[in-house]
N, C-alpha and C. Protein backbone atom coordinates (compact mmCIF):
# COMPACT_ATOMS: atom_id res chain seq x y z
N MET A 1 25.49 1.91 28.45
CA MET A 1 24.86 0.61 28.72
C MET A 1 25.87 -0.51 28.77
N GLU A 2 27.15 -0.24 28.46
CA GLU A 2 28.14 -1.31 28.42
C GLU A 2 28.38 -1.90 29.80
N ASN A 3 28.07 -1.14 30.85
CA ASN A 3 28.27 -1.64 32.21
C ASN A 3 27.03 -2.33 32.77
N PHE A 4 26.01 -2.45 32.06
CA PHE A 4 24.81 -3.09 32.46
C PHE A 4 24.59 -4.46 31.82
N ARG A 5 23.96 -5.33 32.56
CA ARG A 5 23.64 -6.69 32.10
C ARG A 5 22.11 -6.92 32.35
N LYS A 6 21.47 -7.47 31.32
CA LYS A 6 20.03 -7.76 31.50
C LYS A 6 19.87 -8.96 32.38
N VAL A 7 19.10 -8.80 33.51
CA VAL A 7 18.95 -9.96 34.42
C VAL A 7 17.56 -10.52 34.39
N ARG A 8 16.54 -9.74 33.88
CA ARG A 8 15.20 -10.30 33.90
C ARG A 8 14.35 -9.65 32.83
N THR A 9 13.48 -10.40 32.19
CA THR A 9 12.51 -9.81 31.26
C THR A 9 11.19 -10.48 31.53
N SER A 10 10.15 -9.68 31.62
CA SER A 10 8.79 -10.18 31.81
C SER A 10 7.85 -9.45 30.89
N GLU A 11 6.82 -10.20 30.41
CA GLU A 11 5.80 -9.64 29.58
C GLU A 11 4.55 -9.40 30.35
N GLU A 12 3.85 -8.32 29.95
CA GLU A 12 2.54 -8.02 30.56
C GLU A 12 1.50 -9.06 30.05
N GLU A 13 0.78 -9.64 30.94
CA GLU A 13 -0.21 -10.61 30.59
C GLU A 13 -1.46 -9.88 30.15
N MET A 14 -1.94 -10.23 28.97
CA MET A 14 -3.14 -9.54 28.42
C MET A 14 -4.19 -10.60 28.05
N PRO A 15 -5.47 -10.27 28.16
CA PRO A 15 -6.48 -11.24 27.76
C PRO A 15 -6.50 -11.38 26.28
N LEU A 16 -6.98 -12.54 25.79
CA LEU A 16 -7.06 -12.78 24.38
C LEU A 16 -8.10 -11.84 23.70
N PRO A 17 -7.75 -11.30 22.59
CA PRO A 17 -8.67 -10.30 21.97
C PRO A 17 -9.83 -10.87 21.14
N PHE A 18 -10.23 -12.14 21.44
CA PHE A 18 -11.27 -12.77 20.67
C PHE A 18 -12.48 -13.05 21.56
N LEU A 19 -13.65 -12.88 20.95
CA LEU A 19 -14.91 -13.21 21.69
C LEU A 19 -15.38 -14.60 21.28
N ASP A 20 -16.19 -15.17 22.12
CA ASP A 20 -16.87 -16.48 21.80
C ASP A 20 -15.87 -17.56 21.41
N LEU A 21 -14.86 -17.76 22.21
CA LEU A 21 -13.89 -18.84 21.96
C LEU A 21 -14.49 -20.16 22.48
N SER A 22 -14.15 -21.21 21.79
CA SER A 22 -14.62 -22.54 22.23
C SER A 22 -13.86 -22.93 23.50
N PRO A 23 -14.44 -23.77 24.34
CA PRO A 23 -13.76 -24.13 25.60
C PRO A 23 -12.48 -24.90 25.39
N ASP A 24 -12.38 -25.55 24.29
CA ASP A 24 -11.17 -26.42 24.04
C ASP A 24 -10.07 -25.69 23.25
N VAL A 25 -10.16 -24.36 23.16
CA VAL A 25 -9.21 -23.59 22.36
C VAL A 25 -7.75 -23.77 22.97
N VAL A 26 -6.83 -23.93 22.08
CA VAL A 26 -5.42 -24.11 22.46
C VAL A 26 -4.65 -22.85 22.10
N GLU A 27 -3.91 -22.30 23.03
CA GLU A 27 -3.09 -21.11 22.79
C GLU A 27 -1.61 -21.49 22.65
N MET A 28 -1.06 -21.23 21.45
CA MET A 28 0.33 -21.48 21.18
C MET A 28 1.08 -20.18 21.37
N LYS A 29 1.90 -20.02 22.39
CA LYS A 29 2.70 -18.82 22.66
C LYS A 29 4.04 -19.01 22.01
N VAL A 30 4.29 -18.31 20.90
CA VAL A 30 5.47 -18.46 20.11
C VAL A 30 6.55 -17.51 20.68
N LYS A 31 7.71 -18.03 20.96
CA LYS A 31 8.84 -17.21 21.40
C LYS A 31 9.87 -17.08 20.35
N GLU A 32 10.81 -16.18 20.50
CA GLU A 32 11.87 -16.01 19.50
C GLU A 32 12.70 -17.23 19.31
N GLY A 33 12.97 -17.98 20.38
CA GLY A 33 13.80 -19.22 20.33
C GLY A 33 13.02 -20.47 20.05
N SER A 34 11.69 -20.39 19.88
CA SER A 34 10.89 -21.58 19.62
C SER A 34 11.24 -22.26 18.31
N LYS A 35 11.20 -23.59 18.31
CA LYS A 35 11.43 -24.31 17.11
C LYS A 35 10.12 -24.56 16.39
N ILE A 36 10.07 -24.24 15.12
CA ILE A 36 8.80 -24.36 14.37
C ILE A 36 8.35 -25.77 14.35
N ARG A 37 9.31 -26.70 14.19
CA ARG A 37 8.92 -28.14 14.15
C ARG A 37 8.22 -28.59 15.44
N ASN A 38 8.71 -28.17 16.58
CA ASN A 38 8.06 -28.53 17.83
C ASN A 38 6.68 -27.88 17.95
N LEU A 39 6.60 -26.60 17.60
CA LEU A 39 5.30 -25.93 17.67
C LEU A 39 4.29 -26.66 16.81
N MET A 40 4.67 -26.94 15.56
CA MET A 40 3.77 -27.54 14.63
C MET A 40 3.36 -29.00 15.01
N ASN A 41 4.29 -29.73 15.55
CA ASN A 41 3.95 -31.10 16.02
C ASN A 41 2.89 -31.07 17.08
N PHE A 42 3.03 -30.15 18.03
CA PHE A 42 2.07 -30.06 19.12
C PHE A 42 0.74 -29.54 18.60
N ALA A 43 0.76 -28.52 17.81
CA ALA A 43 -0.45 -27.86 17.27
C ALA A 43 -1.26 -28.84 16.40
N MET A 44 -0.55 -29.58 15.54
CA MET A 44 -1.21 -30.54 14.64
C MET A 44 -1.84 -31.69 15.46
N ALA A 45 -1.16 -32.11 16.52
CA ALA A 45 -1.71 -33.15 17.42
C ALA A 45 -2.97 -32.67 18.05
N GLN A 46 -2.98 -31.43 18.49
CA GLN A 46 -4.20 -30.87 19.13
C GLN A 46 -5.38 -30.83 18.19
N MET A 47 -5.13 -30.37 16.90
CA MET A 47 -6.16 -30.18 15.96
C MET A 47 -6.64 -31.52 15.36
N GLU A 48 -5.71 -32.45 15.09
CA GLU A 48 -6.10 -33.66 14.42
C GLU A 48 -6.42 -34.80 15.38
N LEU A 49 -5.57 -35.03 16.34
CA LEU A 49 -5.78 -36.22 17.26
C LEU A 49 -6.80 -35.87 18.36
N LYS A 50 -6.69 -34.69 18.99
CA LYS A 50 -7.58 -34.39 20.07
C LYS A 50 -8.88 -33.70 19.60
N GLY A 51 -8.96 -33.33 18.31
CA GLY A 51 -10.16 -32.82 17.72
C GLY A 51 -10.54 -31.37 18.16
N SER A 52 -9.53 -30.58 18.49
CA SER A 52 -9.81 -29.17 18.84
C SER A 52 -10.39 -28.49 17.64
N ARG A 53 -11.38 -27.56 17.85
CA ARG A 53 -11.98 -26.85 16.77
C ARG A 53 -11.27 -25.50 16.47
N GLN A 54 -10.58 -24.96 17.48
CA GLN A 54 -9.92 -23.64 17.34
C GLN A 54 -8.53 -23.70 17.95
N ILE A 55 -7.61 -22.89 17.41
CA ILE A 55 -6.29 -22.73 17.95
C ILE A 55 -5.81 -21.29 17.79
N ILE A 56 -5.10 -20.80 18.71
CA ILE A 56 -4.62 -19.45 18.67
C ILE A 56 -3.08 -19.47 18.67
N PHE A 57 -2.46 -18.76 17.78
CA PHE A 57 -0.99 -18.51 17.79
C PHE A 57 -0.77 -17.06 18.15
N SER A 58 0.12 -16.86 19.15
CA SER A 58 0.43 -15.46 19.55
C SER A 58 1.94 -15.31 19.71
N GLY A 59 2.43 -14.17 19.36
CA GLY A 59 3.82 -13.83 19.51
C GLY A 59 4.06 -12.33 19.48
N CYS A 60 5.19 -11.89 20.05
CA CYS A 60 5.46 -10.48 20.12
C CYS A 60 6.90 -10.25 19.69
N GLY A 61 7.19 -9.04 19.30
CA GLY A 61 8.56 -8.63 18.92
C GLY A 61 9.11 -9.45 17.80
N ARG A 62 10.28 -10.04 17.99
CA ARG A 62 10.95 -10.79 16.95
C ARG A 62 10.25 -12.11 16.63
N ALA A 63 9.36 -12.52 17.49
CA ALA A 63 8.62 -13.81 17.26
C ALA A 63 7.43 -13.67 16.32
N ILE A 64 7.16 -12.48 15.85
CA ILE A 64 5.96 -12.31 15.00
C ILE A 64 6.10 -13.04 13.69
N THR A 65 7.26 -13.00 13.09
CA THR A 65 7.50 -13.68 11.81
C THR A 65 7.31 -15.19 11.94
N LYS A 66 7.81 -15.74 13.07
CA LYS A 66 7.70 -17.14 13.31
C LYS A 66 6.24 -17.52 13.57
N THR A 67 5.51 -16.64 14.21
CA THR A 67 4.08 -16.88 14.50
C THR A 67 3.28 -16.99 13.18
N ILE A 68 3.56 -16.04 12.28
CA ILE A 68 2.86 -16.06 11.00
C ILE A 68 3.23 -17.28 10.16
N THR A 69 4.49 -17.68 10.23
CA THR A 69 4.92 -18.90 9.53
C THR A 69 4.18 -20.13 10.03
N CYS A 70 4.06 -20.25 11.33
CA CYS A 70 3.27 -21.40 11.90
C CYS A 70 1.84 -21.40 11.39
N VAL A 71 1.19 -20.24 11.39
CA VAL A 71 -0.16 -20.16 10.90
C VAL A 71 -0.33 -20.57 9.49
N GLU A 72 0.62 -20.11 8.63
CA GLU A 72 0.54 -20.47 7.21
C GLU A 72 0.78 -21.95 6.98
N ILE A 73 1.66 -22.55 7.74
CA ILE A 73 1.87 -24.00 7.65
C ILE A 73 0.60 -24.74 8.05
N MET A 74 -0.01 -24.31 9.14
CA MET A 74 -1.18 -24.98 9.67
C MET A 74 -2.32 -24.87 8.63
N LYS A 75 -2.50 -23.69 7.99
CA LYS A 75 -3.55 -23.52 7.04
C LYS A 75 -3.31 -24.41 5.78
N ARG A 76 -2.06 -24.54 5.40
CA ARG A 76 -1.76 -25.36 4.22
C ARG A 76 -1.94 -26.83 4.52
N LYS A 77 -1.57 -27.27 5.74
CA LYS A 77 -1.67 -28.73 6.06
C LYS A 77 -3.13 -29.09 6.27
N LEU A 78 -3.89 -28.30 7.02
CA LEU A 78 -5.23 -28.72 7.32
C LEU A 78 -6.25 -28.22 6.27
N GLY A 79 -6.16 -27.01 5.88
CA GLY A 79 -7.11 -26.50 4.82
C GLY A 79 -8.44 -26.23 5.43
N GLY A 80 -9.16 -25.30 4.84
CA GLY A 80 -10.53 -24.98 5.28
C GLY A 80 -10.62 -24.26 6.55
N LEU A 81 -9.56 -23.57 7.02
CA LEU A 81 -9.56 -22.90 8.31
C LEU A 81 -9.88 -21.44 8.14
N HIS A 82 -10.84 -20.94 8.99
CA HIS A 82 -11.17 -19.53 9.02
C HIS A 82 -10.13 -18.84 9.92
N GLN A 83 -9.76 -17.59 9.60
CA GLN A 83 -8.70 -16.89 10.34
C GLN A 83 -9.15 -15.48 10.72
N VAL A 84 -8.79 -15.07 11.96
CA VAL A 84 -8.96 -13.72 12.43
C VAL A 84 -7.58 -13.27 13.04
N THR A 85 -7.08 -12.17 12.54
CA THR A 85 -5.83 -11.68 12.99
C THR A 85 -6.02 -10.35 13.79
N LYS A 86 -5.45 -10.23 14.92
CA LYS A 86 -5.46 -9.05 15.73
C LYS A 86 -4.00 -8.59 16.06
N VAL A 87 -3.71 -7.35 15.79
CA VAL A 87 -2.41 -6.73 16.06
C VAL A 87 -2.61 -5.74 17.18
N ARG A 88 -1.68 -5.74 18.09
CA ARG A 88 -1.74 -4.80 19.29
C ARG A 88 -0.32 -4.63 19.80
N TYR A 89 -0.21 -3.80 20.88
CA TYR A 89 1.07 -3.61 21.55
C TYR A 89 1.01 -4.25 22.91
N LYS A 90 2.17 -4.77 23.30
CA LYS A 90 2.31 -5.40 24.62
C LYS A 90 3.50 -4.73 25.31
N THR A 91 3.36 -4.57 26.62
CA THR A 91 4.39 -3.95 27.41
C THR A 91 5.33 -5.02 27.97
N VAL A 92 6.65 -4.85 27.70
CA VAL A 92 7.66 -5.73 28.16
C VAL A 92 8.53 -4.98 29.17
N LEU A 93 8.77 -5.60 30.31
CA LEU A 93 9.59 -5.00 31.39
C LEU A 93 10.91 -5.66 31.42
N GLU A 94 11.99 -4.86 31.29
CA GLU A 94 13.39 -5.39 31.36
C GLU A 94 14.09 -4.81 32.53
N VAL A 95 14.79 -5.65 33.30
CA VAL A 95 15.58 -5.17 34.44
C VAL A 95 17.04 -5.42 34.13
N TRP A 96 17.81 -4.32 34.17
CA TRP A 96 19.24 -4.31 33.90
C TRP A 96 19.97 -4.05 35.19
N GLU A 97 21.09 -4.76 35.44
CA GLU A 97 21.86 -4.62 36.60
C GLU A 97 23.20 -3.98 36.30
N ASN A 98 23.65 -3.03 37.12
CA ASN A 98 24.94 -2.34 36.89
C ASN A 98 26.05 -3.29 37.26
N GLN A 99 27.00 -3.47 36.38
CA GLN A 99 28.13 -4.39 36.61
C GLN A 99 29.41 -3.64 36.91
N ASP A 100 29.33 -2.34 37.04
CA ASP A 100 30.55 -1.50 37.29
C ASP A 100 31.03 -1.74 38.71
N LEU A 101 32.21 -2.30 38.84
CA LEU A 101 32.71 -2.61 40.18
C LEU A 101 33.44 -1.43 40.79
N LEU A 102 33.69 -0.35 40.06
CA LEU A 102 34.36 0.78 40.56
C LEU A 102 33.47 1.66 41.43
N SER A 103 32.15 1.56 41.27
CA SER A 103 31.28 2.39 42.03
C SER A 103 31.24 1.83 43.44
N ALA A 104 31.41 2.71 44.47
CA ALA A 104 31.46 2.33 45.86
C ALA A 104 30.11 1.98 46.39
N GLY A 105 29.03 2.51 45.79
CA GLY A 105 27.69 2.31 46.34
C GLY A 105 27.12 0.95 45.94
N PRO A 106 25.89 0.70 46.37
CA PRO A 106 25.28 -0.60 46.08
C PRO A 106 24.98 -0.73 44.53
N ALA A 107 24.85 -1.89 44.10
CA ALA A 107 24.59 -2.11 42.66
C ALA A 107 23.21 -1.47 42.31
N GLN A 108 23.21 -0.71 41.22
CA GLN A 108 21.97 -0.05 40.80
C GLN A 108 21.33 -0.82 39.73
N ASN A 109 20.05 -0.90 39.78
CA ASN A 109 19.26 -1.61 38.73
C ASN A 109 18.53 -0.56 37.91
N LEU A 110 18.35 -0.83 36.66
CA LEU A 110 17.68 0.03 35.68
C LEU A 110 16.52 -0.72 35.14
N THR A 111 15.32 -0.17 35.22
CA THR A 111 14.12 -0.81 34.75
C THR A 111 13.64 -0.10 33.48
N VAL A 112 13.43 -0.90 32.39
CA VAL A 112 13.04 -0.32 31.06
C VAL A 112 11.68 -0.91 30.73
N HIS A 113 10.74 -0.06 30.37
CA HIS A 113 9.42 -0.49 29.86
C HIS A 113 9.42 -0.26 28.38
N LYS A 114 9.19 -1.36 27.67
CA LYS A 114 9.12 -1.29 26.19
C LYS A 114 7.73 -1.65 25.68
N ASN A 115 7.28 -0.95 24.68
CA ASN A 115 6.04 -1.30 24.02
C ASN A 115 6.46 -2.00 22.70
N VAL A 116 6.15 -3.31 22.59
CA VAL A 116 6.52 -4.03 21.41
C VAL A 116 5.27 -4.52 20.69
N PRO A 117 5.32 -4.61 19.36
CA PRO A 117 4.17 -5.14 18.66
C PRO A 117 3.90 -6.55 18.96
N SER A 118 2.63 -6.93 18.91
CA SER A 118 2.19 -8.31 19.24
C SER A 118 1.12 -8.72 18.25
N ILE A 119 1.05 -10.00 17.96
CA ILE A 119 0.05 -10.48 17.00
C ILE A 119 -0.63 -11.70 17.66
N CYS A 120 -1.94 -11.78 17.51
CA CYS A 120 -2.72 -12.99 17.90
C CYS A 120 -3.55 -13.40 16.68
N ILE A 121 -3.45 -14.69 16.28
CA ILE A 121 -4.13 -15.19 15.17
C ILE A 121 -5.02 -16.43 15.58
N LEU A 122 -6.28 -16.29 15.34
CA LEU A 122 -7.23 -17.38 15.66
C LEU A 122 -7.52 -18.18 14.36
N LEU A 123 -7.34 -19.46 14.44
CA LEU A 123 -7.70 -20.35 13.37
C LEU A 123 -8.82 -21.21 13.86
N SER A 124 -9.89 -21.38 13.03
CA SER A 124 -11.05 -22.08 13.46
C SER A 124 -11.60 -22.97 12.28
N ARG A 125 -11.97 -24.18 12.68
CA ARG A 125 -12.66 -25.07 11.72
C ARG A 125 -14.10 -24.60 11.50
N ASP A 126 -14.66 -23.97 12.51
CA ASP A 126 -16.02 -23.51 12.42
C ASP A 126 -16.04 -22.10 11.82
N PRO A 127 -17.12 -21.77 11.08
CA PRO A 127 -17.15 -20.40 10.49
C PRO A 127 -17.11 -19.28 11.53
N LEU A 128 -16.48 -18.19 11.23
CA LEU A 128 -16.39 -17.03 12.14
C LEU A 128 -17.14 -15.88 11.48
N ASP A 129 -17.36 -14.82 12.25
CA ASP A 129 -18.05 -13.63 11.73
C ASP A 129 -17.20 -12.97 10.69
N PRO A 130 -17.65 -12.93 9.41
CA PRO A 130 -16.82 -12.35 8.34
C PRO A 130 -16.74 -10.82 8.42
N ASN A 131 -17.62 -10.20 9.26
CA ASN A 131 -17.60 -8.76 9.38
C ASN A 131 -16.58 -8.19 10.38
N GLN A 132 -15.95 -9.06 11.16
CA GLN A 132 -15.02 -8.56 12.14
C GLN A 132 -13.71 -8.21 11.49
N THR A 133 -13.00 -7.22 12.08
CA THR A 133 -11.74 -6.76 11.51
C THR A 133 -10.72 -7.88 11.59
N GLY A 134 -9.96 -8.05 10.50
CA GLY A 134 -8.91 -9.04 10.48
C GLY A 134 -9.35 -10.48 10.05
N TYR A 135 -10.58 -10.57 9.55
CA TYR A 135 -11.09 -11.87 9.12
C TYR A 135 -10.55 -12.25 7.73
N GLN A 136 -10.21 -13.54 7.59
CA GLN A 136 -9.82 -14.10 6.26
C GLN A 136 -10.54 -15.42 6.10
N PRO A 137 -11.21 -15.57 4.99
CA PRO A 137 -11.96 -16.84 4.76
C PRO A 137 -10.93 -17.94 4.39
N PRO A 138 -11.40 -19.18 4.46
CA PRO A 138 -10.53 -20.30 4.03
C PRO A 138 -10.10 -20.11 2.57
N GLU A 139 -8.88 -20.59 2.27
CA GLU A 139 -8.39 -20.51 0.92
C GLU A 139 -9.07 -21.60 0.08
N PRO A 140 -9.37 -21.29 -1.20
CA PRO A 140 -9.89 -22.34 -2.06
C PRO A 140 -8.92 -23.45 -2.31
N GLN A 141 -9.40 -24.69 -2.56
CA GLN A 141 -8.53 -25.81 -2.76
C GLN A 141 -7.92 -25.94 -4.11
N HIS A 142 -8.28 -25.06 -5.06
CA HIS A 142 -7.73 -25.05 -6.40
C HIS A 142 -7.91 -26.35 -7.15
N GLY A 143 -8.97 -27.06 -6.88
CA GLY A 143 -9.27 -28.31 -7.63
C GLY A 143 -8.41 -29.50 -7.26
N LEU A 144 -7.73 -29.49 -6.15
CA LEU A 144 -6.91 -30.57 -5.75
C LEU A 144 -7.75 -31.64 -4.94
N SER A 145 -7.50 -32.85 -5.19
CA SER A 145 -8.25 -33.91 -4.49
C SER A 145 -7.40 -34.32 -3.35
N GLU A 146 -7.86 -35.25 -2.52
CA GLU A 146 -7.21 -35.74 -1.35
C GLU A 146 -5.83 -36.39 -1.72
N ALA A 147 -5.80 -37.07 -2.86
CA ALA A 147 -4.63 -37.79 -3.24
C ALA A 147 -3.54 -36.94 -3.80
N GLY A 148 -3.75 -35.59 -3.92
CA GLY A 148 -2.72 -34.71 -4.47
C GLY A 148 -2.69 -34.78 -5.99
N THR A 149 -3.84 -35.02 -6.64
CA THR A 149 -3.90 -34.94 -8.02
C THR A 149 -4.84 -33.77 -8.45
N ASP A 150 -4.53 -33.17 -9.59
CA ASP A 150 -5.48 -32.12 -10.06
C ASP A 150 -6.58 -32.71 -10.86
N ALA A 151 -7.43 -31.86 -11.41
CA ALA A 151 -8.64 -32.35 -12.08
C ALA A 151 -8.27 -33.19 -13.32
N SER A 152 -7.16 -32.99 -13.91
CA SER A 152 -6.74 -33.80 -15.11
C SER A 152 -6.20 -35.18 -14.73
N GLY A 153 -6.00 -35.41 -13.45
CA GLY A 153 -5.49 -36.70 -13.00
C GLY A 153 -3.99 -36.78 -12.86
N SER A 154 -3.29 -35.76 -13.22
CA SER A 154 -1.81 -35.79 -13.07
C SER A 154 -1.43 -35.50 -11.64
N SER A 155 -0.38 -36.00 -11.16
CA SER A 155 0.03 -35.83 -9.79
C SER A 155 0.69 -34.48 -9.57
N THR A 156 0.46 -33.89 -8.44
CA THR A 156 1.10 -32.60 -8.15
C THR A 156 2.16 -32.74 -7.10
N LYS A 157 2.34 -33.96 -6.58
CA LYS A 157 3.43 -34.19 -5.60
C LYS A 157 4.71 -34.40 -6.28
N GLY A 158 5.78 -33.87 -5.77
CA GLY A 158 7.12 -34.07 -6.27
C GLY A 158 7.42 -33.25 -7.53
N LEU A 159 6.57 -32.30 -7.85
CA LEU A 159 6.88 -31.44 -9.04
C LEU A 159 8.08 -30.57 -8.71
N LYS A 160 8.96 -30.45 -9.70
CA LYS A 160 10.13 -29.64 -9.56
C LYS A 160 10.02 -28.45 -10.46
N ARG A 161 10.39 -27.30 -9.96
CA ARG A 161 10.33 -26.14 -10.88
C ARG A 161 11.56 -26.12 -11.76
N LEU A 162 11.42 -25.59 -12.91
CA LEU A 162 12.52 -25.53 -13.84
C LEU A 162 13.54 -24.54 -13.35
N LEU A 163 14.82 -24.89 -13.45
CA LEU A 163 15.85 -23.99 -13.08
C LEU A 163 16.26 -23.13 -14.28
N PRO A 164 16.75 -21.91 -14.02
CA PRO A 164 17.22 -21.15 -15.18
C PRO A 164 18.41 -21.79 -15.82
N PRO A 165 18.71 -21.43 -17.06
CA PRO A 165 19.88 -22.11 -17.72
C PRO A 165 21.15 -21.75 -16.97
N SER A 166 22.15 -22.69 -17.09
CA SER A 166 23.41 -22.48 -16.42
C SER A 166 24.16 -21.35 -17.11
N HIS A 167 25.19 -20.95 -16.42
CA HIS A 167 26.05 -19.86 -16.96
C HIS A 167 26.65 -20.24 -18.28
N GLU A 168 27.08 -21.48 -18.40
CA GLU A 168 27.74 -21.91 -19.64
C GLU A 168 26.75 -21.94 -20.77
N GLU A 169 25.48 -22.26 -20.48
CA GLU A 169 24.48 -22.30 -21.55
C GLU A 169 24.12 -20.91 -22.09
N LEU A 170 24.32 -19.93 -21.28
CA LEU A 170 23.99 -18.55 -21.67
C LEU A 170 25.12 -17.93 -22.50
N LEU A 171 26.37 -18.44 -22.42
CA LEU A 171 27.48 -17.93 -23.20
C LEU A 171 27.41 -18.43 -24.60
N PRO A 172 27.86 -17.68 -25.60
CA PRO A 172 27.81 -18.17 -26.97
C PRO A 172 28.81 -19.33 -27.14
N LYS A 173 28.47 -20.21 -28.01
CA LYS A 173 29.34 -21.34 -28.27
C LYS A 173 30.67 -20.84 -28.86
N LYS A 174 31.77 -21.56 -28.55
CA LYS A 174 33.08 -21.12 -29.02
C LYS A 174 33.08 -21.28 -30.60
N LEU A 175 33.73 -20.37 -31.19
CA LEU A 175 33.87 -20.43 -32.61
C LEU A 175 34.87 -21.53 -32.99
N GLN A 176 34.43 -22.31 -33.95
CA GLN A 176 35.32 -23.38 -34.43
C GLN A 176 35.97 -22.88 -35.71
N VAL A 177 37.26 -22.98 -35.72
CA VAL A 177 38.04 -22.56 -36.85
C VAL A 177 38.25 -23.72 -37.78
N GLN A 178 37.94 -23.60 -39.00
CA GLN A 178 38.16 -24.68 -39.96
C GLN A 178 39.37 -24.34 -40.77
N VAL A 179 40.28 -25.24 -40.83
CA VAL A 179 41.49 -25.13 -41.62
C VAL A 179 41.33 -25.72 -42.97
N PRO A 180 41.59 -24.99 -44.04
CA PRO A 180 41.43 -25.59 -45.36
C PRO A 180 42.38 -26.80 -45.57
N ASP A 181 41.96 -27.75 -46.39
CA ASP A 181 42.74 -28.91 -46.65
C ASP A 181 44.12 -28.63 -47.23
N SER A 182 44.25 -27.54 -47.95
CA SER A 182 45.58 -27.23 -48.56
C SER A 182 46.60 -26.95 -47.50
N LEU A 183 46.21 -26.38 -46.36
CA LEU A 183 47.17 -26.09 -45.31
C LEU A 183 47.44 -27.32 -44.46
N ARG A 184 46.52 -28.21 -44.38
CA ARG A 184 46.65 -29.43 -43.57
C ARG A 184 47.72 -30.37 -44.15
N GLY A 185 47.81 -30.47 -45.40
CA GLY A 185 48.67 -31.37 -46.05
C GLY A 185 50.13 -30.88 -46.19
N SER A 186 50.38 -29.67 -45.87
CA SER A 186 51.70 -29.11 -46.09
C SER A 186 52.72 -29.54 -45.00
N GLY A 187 52.23 -30.11 -43.97
CA GLY A 187 53.14 -30.64 -42.90
C GLY A 187 53.43 -29.58 -41.87
N THR A 188 53.01 -28.38 -42.00
CA THR A 188 53.29 -27.37 -40.96
C THR A 188 52.06 -27.26 -40.11
N THR A 189 52.26 -27.16 -38.87
CA THR A 189 51.14 -26.95 -37.98
C THR A 189 51.40 -25.66 -37.18
N ALA A 190 50.38 -25.15 -36.70
CA ALA A 190 50.50 -23.89 -35.93
C ALA A 190 51.33 -24.18 -34.71
N GLY A 191 52.18 -23.28 -34.33
CA GLY A 191 53.00 -23.40 -33.19
C GLY A 191 54.36 -24.08 -33.46
N GLN A 192 54.59 -24.59 -34.64
CA GLN A 192 55.86 -25.17 -34.97
C GLN A 192 56.75 -24.18 -35.75
N LEU A 193 57.98 -24.11 -35.46
CA LEU A 193 58.88 -23.25 -36.13
C LEU A 193 59.90 -24.16 -36.86
N ASP A 194 60.17 -23.83 -38.13
CA ASP A 194 61.14 -24.63 -38.86
C ASP A 194 62.51 -23.96 -38.81
């Protein structure tokens, strides 16, 4: 394969695996090179400013981890979202071109069909059927209020976790040697030769 160069990649288009989607559903197609900040800015604007009730995050191959990260950020920021996750395989078509200049014939192309894992996650403000496969109910709020305080009234924002003790703190303290007064007054100190 060292004489071949990838010239084109295309994904098989598949219908969304969810039934009864709202007409204003937004699909976020997450790619391997997508920036999470950009994805989240657009998705949050759709859900908060435009009032969308549902949003779908989808990604395949190496983008699956980034897709799940976006979903978890969205659930933490908005709260109260119902989730349905569907996992499937998607066919990716790669076209490789022969770069070997020594061959006298025309350049040969190689076509590779790959089946890569794919994930689609639906987040909804409206309740979804809890009996469908992949359903997750909204996470409980753990007694937090809107202002970020717990039930006792103390703030939960800006809390820092305690760090483990430093390396120096774990080492035993250096032994201190005490010299008796009788040796101090004799005028000899350690390291001096008479």
